[in-house]
Amino acid sequence: MANALGYVSETATGFSGALAMMNLAAAIRIEKNAEKAAKGQPDYRIFAGETATEIGGGWLRKAKASGREYVSITLADPQIGPRRIYANLAPVKGKKGRHVILWNPRD
């Protein structure tokens, strides 16, 4: 079951849009991590709200079946709850530059 947690649009530095979950609605920015120095560090950093609080990271991955590149994201913040949220960015069919944040439960 795929649940949309929000939508973002491509920008020059990554993506910009909104999270729209049952208990949280916030503007977000997903920006390329210009300071990435090691393989384990995120390729993107995720910021929320007007104060640009960092709430997660995104890693470039390749789909096993198609070989296409996508962004796997992890969100963590007290307003989200006690557990991390895992999701993937997927293109919205027929809407160039628009992506959906799809929940990817790990349990």
PDB file of N, CA and C in Angstrom:
ATOM      1  N   MET A   1       0.850  -1.166   0.000  1.00  0.00           N
ATOM      2  CA  MET A   1       0.000   0.000   0.000  1.00  0.00           C
ATOM      3  C   MET A   1       0.899   1.233   0.000  1.00  0.00           C
ATOM      4  N   ALA A   2       0.699   2.103  -0.969  1.00  0.00           N
ATOM      5  CA  ALA A   2       1.496   3.323  -1.068  1.00  0.00           C
ATOM      6  C   ALA A   2       0.677   4.502  -0.572  1.00  0.00           C
ATOM      7  N   ASN A   3       1.200   5.188   0.402  1.00  0.00           N
ATOM      8  CA  ASN A   3       0.545   6.385   0.931  1.00  0.00           C
ATOM      9  C   ASN A   3       1.402   7.602   0.629  1.00  0.00           C
ATOM     10  N   ALA A   4       0.786   8.627   0.057  1.00  0.00           N
ATOM     11  CA  ALA A   4       1.497   9.870  -0.243  1.00  0.00           C
ATOM     12  C   ALA A   4       1.617  10.694   1.024  1.00  0.00           C
ATOM     13  N   LEU A   5       2.840  11.073   1.364  1.00  0.00           N
ATOM     14  CA  LEU A   5       3.105  11.919   2.529  1.00  0.00           C
ATOM     15  C   LEU A   5       3.209  13.381   2.132  1.00  0.00           C
ATOM     16  N   GLY A   6       3.276  13.646   0.839  1.00  0.00           N
ATOM     17  CA  GLY A   6       3.381  15.014   0.358  1.00  0.00           C
ATOM     18  C   GLY A   6       3.846  15.043  -1.080  1.00  0.00           C
ATOM     19  N   TYR A   7       3.985  16.246  -1.597  1.00  0.00           N
ATOM     20  CA  TYR A   7       4.410  16.448  -2.984  1.00  0.00           C
ATOM     21  C   TYR A   7       5.471  17.535  -3.034  1.00  0.00           C
ATOM     22  N   VAL A   8       6.422  17.380  -3.970  1.00  0.00           N
ATOM     23  CA  VAL A   8       7.477  18.367  -4.171  1.00  0.00           C
ATOM     24  C   VAL A   8       7.692  18.581  -5.664  1.00  0.00           C
ATOM     25  N   SER A   9       8.267  19.722  -5.991  1.00  0.00           N
ATOM     26  CA  SER A   9       8.631  20.047  -7.372  1.00  0.00           C
ATOM     27  C   SER A   9      10.127  20.260  -7.451  1.00  0.00           C
ATOM     28  N   GLU A  10      10.700  19.928  -8.603  1.00  0.00           N
ATOM     29  CA  GLU A  10      12.136  20.102  -8.801  1.00  0.00           C
ATOM     30  C   GLU A  10      12.498  21.587  -8.785  1.00  0.00           C
ATOM     31  N   THR A  11      13.650  21.887  -8.183  1.00  0.00           N
ATOM     32  CA  THR A  11      14.217  23.225  -8.177  1.00  0.00           C
ATOM     33  C   THR A  11      15.657  23.137  -8.655  1.00  0.00           C
ATOM     34  N   ALA A  12      16.339  24.246  -8.736  1.00  0.00           N
ATOM     35  CA  ALA A  12      17.744  24.253  -9.162  1.00  0.00           C
ATOM     36  C   ALA A  12      18.641  23.527  -8.162  1.00  0.00           C
ATOM     37  N   THR A  13      18.247  23.490  -6.884  1.00  0.00           N
ATOM     38  CA  THR A  13      19.097  22.883  -5.847  1.00  0.00           C
ATOM     39  C   THR A  13      18.514  21.598  -5.268  1.00  0.00           C
ATOM     40  N   GLY A  14      17.398  21.109  -5.801  1.00  0.00           N
ATOM     41  CA  GLY A  14      16.794  19.885  -5.274  1.00  0.00           C
ATOM     42  C   GLY A  14      15.297  19.863  -5.511  1.00  0.00           C
ATOM     43  N   PHE A  15      14.530  19.959  -4.412  1.00  0.00           N
ATOM     44  CA  PHE A  15      13.075  19.894  -4.486  1.00  0.00           C
ATOM     45  C   PHE A  15      12.471  20.821  -3.433  1.00  0.00           C
ATOM     46  N   SER A  16      11.245  21.275  -3.683  1.00  0.00           N
ATOM     47  CA  SER A  16      10.539  22.122  -2.727  1.00  0.00           C
ATOM     48  C   SER A  16       9.064  21.766  -2.787  1.00  0.00           C
ATOM     49  N   GLY A  17       8.414  21.715  -1.614  1.00  0.00           N
ATOM     50  CA  GLY A  17       6.997  21.372  -1.586  1.00  0.00           C
ATOM     51  C   GLY A  17       6.480  21.304  -0.172  1.00  0.00           C
ATOM     52  N   ALA A  18       5.664  20.287   0.107  1.00  0.00           N
ATOM     53  CA  ALA A  18       5.041  20.202   1.425  1.00  0.00           C
ATOM     54  C   ALA A  18       4.829  18.762   1.854  1.00  0.00           C
ATOM     55  N   LEU A  19       5.003  18.553   3.157  1.00  0.00           N
ATOM     56  CA  LEU A  19       4.554  17.320   3.802  1.00  0.00           C
ATOM     57  C   LEU A  19       3.102  17.553   4.184  1.00  0.00           C
ATOM     58  N   ALA A  20       2.279  16.557   4.025  1.00  0.00           N
ATOM     59  CA  ALA A  20       0.865  16.681   4.394  1.00  0.00           C
ATOM     60  C   ALA A  20       0.428  15.356   5.014  1.00  0.00           C
ATOM     61  N   MET A  21       0.799  15.173   6.275  1.00  0.00           N
ATOM     62  CA  MET A  21       0.468  13.954   7.002  1.00  0.00           C
ATOM     63  C   MET A  21      -0.673  14.256   7.968  1.00  0.00           C
ATOM     64  N   MET A  22      -1.259  13.229   8.545  1.00  0.00           N
ATOM     65  CA  MET A  22      -2.407  13.422   9.433  1.00  0.00           C
ATOM     66  C   MET A  22      -2.114  14.365  10.588  1.00  0.00           C
ATOM     67  N   ASN A  23      -0.931  14.267  11.176  1.00  0.00           N
ATOM     68  CA  ASN A  23      -0.617  15.081  12.343  1.00  0.00           C
ATOM     69  C   ASN A  23       0.392  16.202  12.069  1.00  0.00           C
ATOM     70  N   LEU A  24       0.773  16.396  10.809  1.00  0.00           N
ATOM     71  CA  LEU A  24       1.786  17.395  10.498  1.00  0.00           C
ATOM     72  C   LEU A  24       1.628  17.884   9.061  1.00  0.00           C
ATOM     73  N   ALA A  25       1.603  19.183   8.917  1.00  0.00           N
ATOM     74  CA  ALA A  25       1.633  19.808   7.589  1.00  0.00           C
ATOM     75  C   ALA A  25       2.716  20.869   7.637  1.00  0.00           C
ATOM     76  N   ALA A  26       3.691  20.760   6.741  1.00  0.00           N
ATOM     77  CA  ALA A  26       4.809  21.704   6.768  1.00  0.00           C
ATOM     78  C   ALA A  26       5.417  21.855   5.381  1.00  0.00           C
ATOM     79  N   ALA A  27       5.872  23.054   5.089  1.00  0.00           N
ATOM     80  CA  ALA A  27       6.648  23.297   3.879  1.00  0.00           C
ATOM     81  C   ALA A  27       7.999  22.627   4.057  1.00  0.00           C
ATOM     82  N   ILE A  28       8.511  22.012   2.990  1.00  0.00           N
ATOM     83  CA  ILE A  28       9.828  21.376   3.070  1.00  0.00           C
ATOM     84  C   ILE A  28      10.668  21.736   1.864  1.00  0.00           C
ATOM     85  N   ARG A  29      11.991  21.635   2.067  1.00  0.00           N
ATOM     86  CA  ARG A  29      12.974  21.772   0.999  1.00  0.00           C
ATOM     87  C   ARG A  29      13.895  20.573   1.080  1.00  0.00           C
ATOM     88  N   ILE A  30      14.152  19.953  -0.044  1.00  0.00           N
ATOM     89  CA  ILE A  30      15.099  18.845  -0.133  1.00  0.00           C
ATOM     90  C   ILE A  30      16.233  19.364  -1.003  1.00  0.00           C
ATOM     91  N   GLU A  31      17.387  19.634  -0.376  1.00  0.00           N
ATOM     92  CA  GLU A  31      18.498  20.290  -1.070  1.00  0.00           C
ATOM     93  C   GLU A  31      19.689  19.362  -1.214  1.00  0.00           C
ATOM     94  N   LYS A  32      20.373  19.480  -2.352  1.00  0.00           N
ATOM     95  CA  LYS A  32      21.600  18.715  -2.559  1.00  0.00           C
ATOM     96  C   LYS A  32      22.579  19.031  -1.440  1.00  0.00           C
ATOM     97  N   ASN A  33      23.244  18.009  -0.929  1.00  0.00           N
ATOM     98  CA  ASN A  33      24.206  18.170   0.158  1.00  0.00           C
ATOM     99  C   ASN A  33      25.569  18.541  -0.430  1.00  0.00           C
ATOM    100  N   ALA A  34      25.840  19.824  -0.506  1.00  0.00           N
ATOM    101  CA  ALA A  34      27.096  20.321  -1.080  1.00  0.00           C
ATOM    102  C   ALA A  34      28.305  19.957  -0.215  1.00  0.00           C
ATOM    103  N   GLU A  35      28.067  19.589   1.037  1.00  0.00           N
ATOM    104  CA  GLU A  35      29.163  19.282   1.959  1.00  0.00           C
ATOM    105  C   GLU A  35      29.408  17.783   2.106  1.00  0.00           C
ATOM    106  N   LYS A  36      28.805  16.956   1.254  1.00  0.00           N
ATOM    107  CA  LYS A  36      28.985  15.507   1.352  1.00  0.00           C
ATOM    108  C   LYS A  36      30.454  15.157   1.162  1.00  0.00           C
ATOM    109  N   ALA A  37      31.018  14.468   2.164  1.00  0.00           N
ATOM    110  CA  ALA A  37      32.436  14.127   2.118  1.00  0.00           C
ATOM    111  C   ALA A  37      32.689  12.623   2.200  1.00  0.00           C
ATOM    112  N   ALA A  38      31.666  11.846   2.558  1.00  0.00           N
ATOM    113  CA  ALA A  38      31.839  10.401   2.711  1.00  0.00           C
ATOM    114  C   ALA A  38      30.633   9.680   2.126  1.00  0.00           C
ATOM    115  N   LYS A  39      30.829   8.438   1.727  1.00  0.00           N
ATOM    116  CA  LYS A  39      29.791   7.654   1.066  1.00  0.00           C
ATOM    117  C   LYS A  39      28.512   7.517   1.903  1.00  0.00           C
ATOM    118  N   GLY A  40      28.599   7.383   3.196  1.00  0.00           N
ATOM    119  CA  GLY A  40      27.443   7.189   4.058  1.00  0.00           C
ATOM    120  C   GLY A  40      26.618   8.439   4.320  1.00  0.00           C
ATOM    121  N   GLN A  41      27.166   9.596   4.012  1.00  0.00           N
ATOM    122  CA  GLN A  41      26.441  10.846   4.240  1.00  0.00           C
ATOM    123  C   GLN A  41      25.339  11.003   3.193  1.00  0.00           C
ATOM    124  N   PRO A  42      24.254  11.704   3.546  1.00  0.00           N
ATOM    125  CA  PRO A  42      23.157  11.853   2.585  1.00  0.00           C
ATOM    126  C   PRO A  42      23.531  12.694   1.369  1.00  0.00           C
ATOM    127  N   ASP A  43      22.898  12.360   0.245  1.00  0.00           N
ATOM    128  CA  ASP A  43      23.066  13.142  -0.981  1.00  0.00           C
ATOM    129  C   ASP A  43      22.218  14.406  -0.926  1.00  0.00           C
ATOM    130  N   TYR A  44      21.153  14.366  -0.111  1.00  0.00           N
ATOM    131  CA  TYR A  44      20.251  15.500   0.073  1.00  0.00           C
ATOM    132  C   TYR A  44      20.013  15.714   1.564  1.00  0.00           C
ATOM    133  N   ARG A  45      19.762  16.954   1.942  1.00  0.00           N
ATOM    134  CA  ARG A  45      19.364  17.295   3.314  1.00  0.00           C
ATOM    135  C   ARG A  45      17.945  17.844   3.240  1.00  0.00           C
ATOM    136  N   ILE A  46      17.120  17.501   4.221  1.00  0.00           N
ATOM    137  CA  ILE A  46      15.711  17.881   4.196  1.00  0.00           C
ATOM    138  C   ILE A  46      15.430  18.867   5.323  1.00  0.00           C
ATOM    139  N   PHE A  47      14.827  20.007   4.956  1.00  0.00           N
ATOM    140  CA  PHE A  47      14.533  21.077   5.898  1.00  0.00           C
ATOM    141  C   PHE A  47      13.032  21.352   5.896  1.00  0.00           C
ATOM    142  N   ALA A  48      12.492  21.725   7.073  1.00  0.00           N
ATOM    143  CA  ALA A  48      11.056  21.998   7.193  1.00  0.00           C
ATOM    144  C   ALA A  48      10.796  23.351   7.826  1.00  0.00           C
ATOM    145  N   GLY A  49       9.669  23.950   7.429  1.00  0.00           N
ATOM    146  CA  GLY A  49       9.184  25.171   8.050  1.00  0.00           C
ATOM    147  C   GLY A  49       9.992  26.404   7.732  1.00  0.00           C
ATOM    148  N   GLU A  50       9.501  27.515   8.275  1.00  0.00           N
ATOM    149  CA  GLU A  50      10.153  28.814   8.057  1.00  0.00           C
ATOM    150  C   GLU A  50      11.527  28.894   8.704  1.00  0.00           C
ATOM    151  N   THR A  51      11.749  28.118   9.778  1.00  0.00           N
ATOM    152  CA  THR A  51      13.034  28.145  10.467  1.00  0.00           C
ATOM    153  C   THR A  51      14.051  27.204   9.829  1.00  0.00           C
ATOM    154  N   ALA A  52      13.636  26.480   8.787  1.00  0.00           N
ATOM    155  CA  ALA A  52      14.514  25.540   8.072  1.00  0.00           C
ATOM    156  C   ALA A  52      15.166  24.532   9.008  1.00  0.00           C
ATOM    157  N   THR A  53      14.349  23.921   9.858  1.00  0.00           N
ATOM    158  CA  THR A  53      14.820  22.878  10.751  1.00  0.00           C
ATOM    159  C   THR A  53      15.154  21.636   9.943  1.00  0.00           C
ATOM    160  N   GLU A  54      16.339  21.068  10.141  1.00  0.00           N
ATOM    161  CA  GLU A  54      16.706  19.858   9.413  1.00  0.00           C
ATOM    162  C   GLU A  54      15.955  18.674  10.005  1.00  0.00           C
ATOM    163  N   ILE A  55      15.204  17.975   9.148  1.00  0.00           N
ATOM    164  CA  ILE A  55      14.383  16.848   9.625  1.00  0.00           C
ATOM    165  C   ILE A  55      14.730  15.528   8.963  1.00  0.00           C
ATOM    166  N   GLY A  56      15.738  15.500   8.100  1.00  0.00           N
ATOM    167  CA  GLY A  56      16.077  14.222   7.475  1.00  0.00           C
ATOM    168  C   GLY A  56      17.107  14.342   6.386  1.00  0.00           C
ATOM    169  N   GLY A  57      17.261  13.213   5.689  1.00  0.00           N
ATOM    170  CA  GLY A  57      18.232  13.143   4.610  1.00  0.00           C
ATOM    171  C   GLY A  57      17.714  12.266   3.490  1.00  0.00           C
ATOM    172  N   GLY A  58      18.346  12.375   2.331  1.00  0.00           N
ATOM    173  CA  GLY A  58      17.983  11.567   1.174  1.00  0.00           C
ATOM    174  C   GLY A  58      19.211  10.986   0.512  1.00  0.00           C
ATOM    175  N   TRP A  59      19.096   9.732   0.066  1.00  0.00           N
ATOM    176  CA  TRP A  59      20.197   9.025  -0.558  1.00  0.00           C
ATOM    177  C   TRP A  59      19.794   8.576  -1.949  1.00  0.00           C
ATOM    178  N   LEU A  60      20.663   8.788  -2.929  1.00  0.00           N
ATOM    179  CA  LEU A  60      20.407   8.310  -4.280  1.00  0.00           C
ATOM    180  C   LEU A  60      20.561   6.794  -4.305  1.00  0.00           C
ATOM    181  N   ARG A  61      19.583   6.120  -4.905  1.00  0.00           N
ATOM    182  CA  ARG A  61      19.580   4.667  -5.026  1.00  0.00           C
ATOM    183  C   ARG A  61      19.202   4.304  -6.462  1.00  0.00           C
ATOM    184  N   LYS A  62      19.487   3.060  -6.852  1.00  0.00           N
ATOM    185  CA  LYS A  62      19.073   2.554  -8.162  1.00  0.00           C
ATOM    186  C   LYS A  62      18.069   1.432  -7.956  1.00  0.00           C
ATOM    187  N   ALA A  63      16.949   1.509  -8.683  1.00  0.00           N
ATOM    188  CA  ALA A  63      15.928   0.469  -8.613  1.00  0.00           C
ATOM    189  C   ALA A  63      16.493  -0.816  -9.215  1.00  0.00           C
ATOM    190  N   LYS A  64      16.275  -1.936  -8.520  1.00  0.00           N
ATOM    191  CA  LYS A  64      16.803  -3.218  -8.997  1.00  0.00           C
ATOM    192  C   LYS A  64      16.186  -3.630 -10.320  1.00  0.00           C
ATOM    193  N   ALA A  65      14.882  -3.473 -10.455  1.00  0.00           N
ATOM    194  CA  ALA A  65      14.195  -3.935 -11.655  1.00  0.00           C
ATOM    195  C   ALA A  65      14.456  -3.048 -12.870  1.00  0.00           C
ATOM    196  N   SER A  66      14.328  -1.736 -12.707  1.00  0.00           N
ATOM    197  CA  SER A  66      14.422  -0.834 -13.857  1.00  0.00           C
ATOM    198  C   SER A  66      15.801  -0.202 -14.037  1.00  0.00           C
ATOM    199  N   GLY A  67      16.588  -0.160 -12.967  1.00  0.00           N
ATOM    200  CA  GLY A  67      17.877   0.507 -13.027  1.00  0.00           C
ATOM    201  C   GLY A  67      17.787   2.017 -12.927  1.00  0.00           C
ATOM    202  N   ARG A  68      16.571   2.544 -12.729  1.00  0.00           N
ATOM    203  CA  ARG A  68      16.381   3.994 -12.606  1.00  0.00           C
ATOM    204  C   ARG A  68      16.850   4.483 -11.249  1.00  0.00           C
ATOM    205  N   GLU A  69      17.367   5.710 -11.255  1.00  0.00           N
ATOM    206  CA  GLU A  69      17.807   6.341 -10.010  1.00  0.00           C
ATOM    207  C   GLU A  69      16.615   6.992  -9.318  1.00  0.00           C
ATOM    208  N   TYR A  70      16.579   6.896  -7.982  1.00  0.00           N
ATOM    209  CA  TYR A  70      15.539   7.549  -7.193  1.00  0.00           C
ATOM    210  C   TYR A  70      16.149   8.016  -5.884  1.00  0.00           C
ATOM    211  N   VAL A  71      15.389   8.780  -5.103  1.00  0.00           N
ATOM    212  CA  VAL A  71      15.864   9.277  -3.818  1.00  0.00           C
ATOM    213  C   VAL A  71      15.103   8.566  -2.706  1.00  0.00           C
ATOM    214  N   SER A  72      15.839   7.887  -1.847  1.00  0.00           N
ATOM    215  CA  SER A  72      15.289   7.242  -0.650  1.00  0.00           C
ATOM    216  C   SER A  72      15.476   8.212   0.506  1.00  0.00           C
ATOM    217  N   ILE A  73      14.389   8.560   1.213  1.00  0.00           N
ATOM    218  CA  ILE A  73      14.509   9.557   2.277  1.00  0.00           C
ATOM    219  C   ILE A  73      14.136   8.993   3.634  1.00  0.00           C
ATOM    220  N   THR A  74      14.739   9.584   4.650  1.00  0.00           N
ATOM    221  CA  THR A  74      14.446   9.263   6.045  1.00  0.00           C
ATOM    222  C   THR A  74      14.112  10.573   6.746  1.00  0.00           C
ATOM    223  N   LEU A  75      12.985  10.577   7.449  1.00  0.00           N
ATOM    224  CA  LEU A  75      12.545  11.754   8.198  1.00  0.00           C
ATOM    225  C   LEU A  75      12.530  11.426   9.679  1.00  0.00           C
ATOM    226  N   ALA A  76      12.993  12.347  10.509  1.00  0.00           N
ATOM    227  CA  ALA A  76      12.976  12.160  11.956  1.00  0.00           C
ATOM    228  C   ALA A  76      12.875  13.527  12.625  1.00  0.00           C
ATOM    229  N   ASP A  77      11.872  13.689  13.472  1.00  0.00           N
ATOM    230  CA  ASP A  77      11.670  14.935  14.204  1.00  0.00           C
ATOM    231  C   ASP A  77      10.643  14.664  15.298  1.00  0.00           C
ATOM    232  N   PRO A  78      10.748  15.299  16.457  1.00  0.00           N
ATOM    233  CA  PRO A  78       9.770  15.076  17.519  1.00  0.00           C
ATOM    234  C   PRO A  78       8.321  15.331  17.083  1.00  0.00           C
ATOM    235  N   GLN A  79       8.099  16.273  16.169  1.00  0.00           N
ATOM    236  CA  GLN A  79       6.740  16.533  15.706  1.00  0.00           C
ATOM    237  C   GLN A  79       6.194  15.395  14.843  1.00  0.00           C
ATOM    238  N   ILE A  80       7.082  14.618  14.242  1.00  0.00           N
ATOM    239  CA  ILE A  80       6.665  13.476  13.431  1.00  0.00           C
ATOM    240  C   ILE A  80       6.264  12.317  14.335  1.00  0.00           C
ATOM    241  N   GLY A  81       6.970  12.156  15.437  1.00  0.00           N
ATOM    242  CA  GLY A  81       6.694  11.059  16.362  1.00  0.00           C
ATOM    243  C   GLY A  81       7.967  10.378  16.783  1.00  0.00           C
ATOM    244  N   PRO A  82       7.842   9.306  17.578  1.00  0.00           N
ATOM    245  CA  PRO A  82       9.027   8.665  18.139  1.00  0.00           C
ATOM    246  C   PRO A  82       9.821   7.794  17.161  1.00  0.00           C
ATOM    247  N   ARG A  83       9.256   7.497  15.995  1.00  0.00           N
ATOM    248  CA  ARG A  83       9.941   6.623  15.040  1.00  0.00           C
ATOM    249  C   ARG A  83      10.281   7.366  13.760  1.00  0.00           C
ATOM    250  N   ARG A  84      11.297   6.888  13.088  1.00  0.00           N
ATOM    251  CA  ARG A  84      11.676   7.470  11.796  1.00  0.00           C
ATOM    252  C   ARG A  84      10.653   7.077  10.738  1.00  0.00           C
ATOM    253  N   ILE A  85      10.516   7.939   9.752  1.00  0.00           N
ATOM    254  CA  ILE A  85       9.661   7.645   8.608  1.00  0.00           C
ATOM    255  C   ILE A  85      10.562   7.444   7.398  1.00  0.00           C
ATOM    256  N   TYR A  86      10.337   6.343   6.703  1.00  0.00           N
ATOM    257  CA  TYR A  86      11.092   6.046   5.492  1.00  0.00           C
ATOM    258  C   TYR A  86      10.173   6.238   4.295  1.00  0.00           C
ATOM    259  N   ALA A  87      10.705   6.862   3.238  1.00  0.00           N
ATOM    260  CA  ALA A  87       9.900   7.140   2.051  1.00  0.00           C
ATOM    261  C   ALA A  87      10.804   7.201   0.829  1.00  0.00           C
ATOM    262  N   ASN A  88      10.178   7.242  -0.331  1.00  0.00           N
ATOM    263  CA  ASN A  88      10.888   7.389  -1.595  1.00  0.00           C
ATOM    264  C   ASN A  88      10.255   8.524  -2.384  1.00  0.00           C
ATOM    265  N   LEU A  89      11.068   9.232  -3.149  1.00  0.00           N
ATOM    266  CA  LEU A  89      10.549  10.233  -4.082  1.00  0.00           C
ATOM    267  C   LEU A  89      10.283   9.530  -5.401  1.00  0.00           C
ATOM    268  N   ALA A  90       9.073   9.690  -5.919  1.00  0.00           N
ATOM    269  CA  ALA A  90       8.703   9.079  -7.193  1.00  0.00           C
ATOM    270  C   ALA A  90       8.101  10.142  -8.096  1.00  0.00           C
ATOM    271  N   PRO A  91       8.428  10.106  -9.382  1.00  0.00           N
ATOM    272  CA  PRO A  91       7.853  11.093 -10.294  1.00  0.00           C
ATOM    273  C   PRO A  91       6.340  10.900 -10.408  1.00  0.00           C
ATOM    274  N   VAL A  92       5.614  12.004 -10.540  1.00  0.00           N
ATOM    275  CA  VAL A  92       4.175  11.958 -10.753  1.00  0.00           C
ATOM    276  C   VAL A  92       3.952  11.816 -12.255  1.00  0.00           C
ATOM    277  N   LYS A  93       3.261  10.763 -12.650  1.00  0.00           N
ATOM    278  CA  LYS A  93       3.031  10.486 -14.068  1.00  0.00           C
ATOM    279  C   LYS A  93       2.294  11.649 -14.735  1.00  0.00           C
ATOM    280  N   GLY A  94       2.856  12.108 -15.835  1.00  0.00           N
ATOM    281  CA  GLY A  94       2.234  13.169 -16.612  1.00  0.00           C
ATOM    282  C   GLY A  94       2.483  14.576 -16.097  1.00  0.00           C
ATOM    283  N   LYS A  95       3.294  14.720 -15.027  1.00  0.00           N
ATOM    284  CA  LYS A  95       3.575  16.054 -14.474  1.00  0.00           C
ATOM    285  C   LYS A  95       5.088  16.216 -14.342  1.00  0.00           C
ATOM    286  N   LYS A  96       5.698  16.699 -15.389  1.00  0.00           N
ATOM    287  CA  LYS A  96       7.155  16.857 -15.433  1.00  0.00           C
ATOM    288  C   LYS A  96       7.657  17.728 -14.276  1.00  0.00           C
ATOM    289  N   GLY A  97       8.681  17.224 -13.569  1.00  0.00           N
ATOM    290  CA  GLY A  97       9.288  17.972 -12.476  1.00  0.00           C
ATOM    291  C   GLY A  97       8.558  17.843 -11.148  1.00  0.00           C
ATOM    292  N   ARG A  98       7.446  17.111 -11.126  1.00  0.00           N
ATOM    293  CA  ARG A  98       6.645  16.944  -9.898  1.00  0.00           C
ATOM    294  C   ARG A  98       6.889  15.541  -9.343  1.00  0.00           C
ATOM    295  N   HIS A  99       7.091  15.452  -8.014  1.00  0.00           N
ATOM    296  CA  HIS A  99       7.344  14.166  -7.369  1.00  0.00           C
ATOM    297  C   HIS A  99       6.439  13.999  -6.155  1.00  0.00           C
ATOM    298  N   VAL A 100       6.112  12.749  -5.875  1.00  0.00           N
ATOM    299  CA  VAL A 100       5.324  12.409  -4.695  1.00  0.00           C
ATOM    300  C   VAL A 100       6.268  11.763  -3.676  1.00  0.00           C
ATOM    301  N   ILE A 101       6.051  12.044  -2.402  1.00  0.00           N
ATOM    302  CA  ILE A 101       6.808  11.405  -1.325  1.00  0.00           C
ATOM    303  C   ILE A 101       5.968  10.209  -0.883  1.00  0.00           C
ATOM    304  N   LEU A 102       6.431   8.999  -1.206  1.00  0.00           N
ATOM    305  CA  LEU A 102       5.675   7.787  -0.900  1.00  0.00           C
ATOM    306  C   LEU A 102       6.227   7.099   0.334  1.00  0.00           C
ATOM    307  N   TRP A 103       5.354   6.863   1.288  1.00  0.00           N
ATOM    308  CA  TRP A 103       5.701   6.160   2.519  1.00  0.00           C
ATOM    309  C   TRP A 103       6.221   4.775   2.176  1.00  0.00           C
ATOM    310  N   ASN A 104       7.313   4.372   2.819  1.00  0.00           N
ATOM    311  CA  ASN A 104       7.942   3.076   2.586  1.00  0.00           C
ATOM    312  C   ASN A 104       8.175   2.426   3.962  1.00  0.00           C
ATOM    313  N   PRO A 105       7.124   1.842   4.560  1.00  0.00           N
ATOM    314  CA  PRO A 105       7.279   1.277   5.907  1.00  0.00           C
ATOM    315  C   PRO A 105       8.313   0.158   5.934  1.00  0.00           C
ATOM    316  N   ARG A 106       9.080   0.114   6.994  1.00  0.00           N
ATOM    317  CA  ARG A 106      10.130  -0.888   7.133  1.00  0.00           C
ATOM    318  C   ARG A 106       9.698  -2.089   7.980  1.00  0.00           C
ATOM    319  N   ASP A 107       8.529  -1.985   8.591  1.00  0.00           N
ATOM    320  CA  ASP A 107       8.077  -3.119   9.423  1.00  0.00           C
ATOM    321  C   ASP A 107       6.655  -3.510   9.090  1.00  0.00           C
TER     322      ASP A 107
END
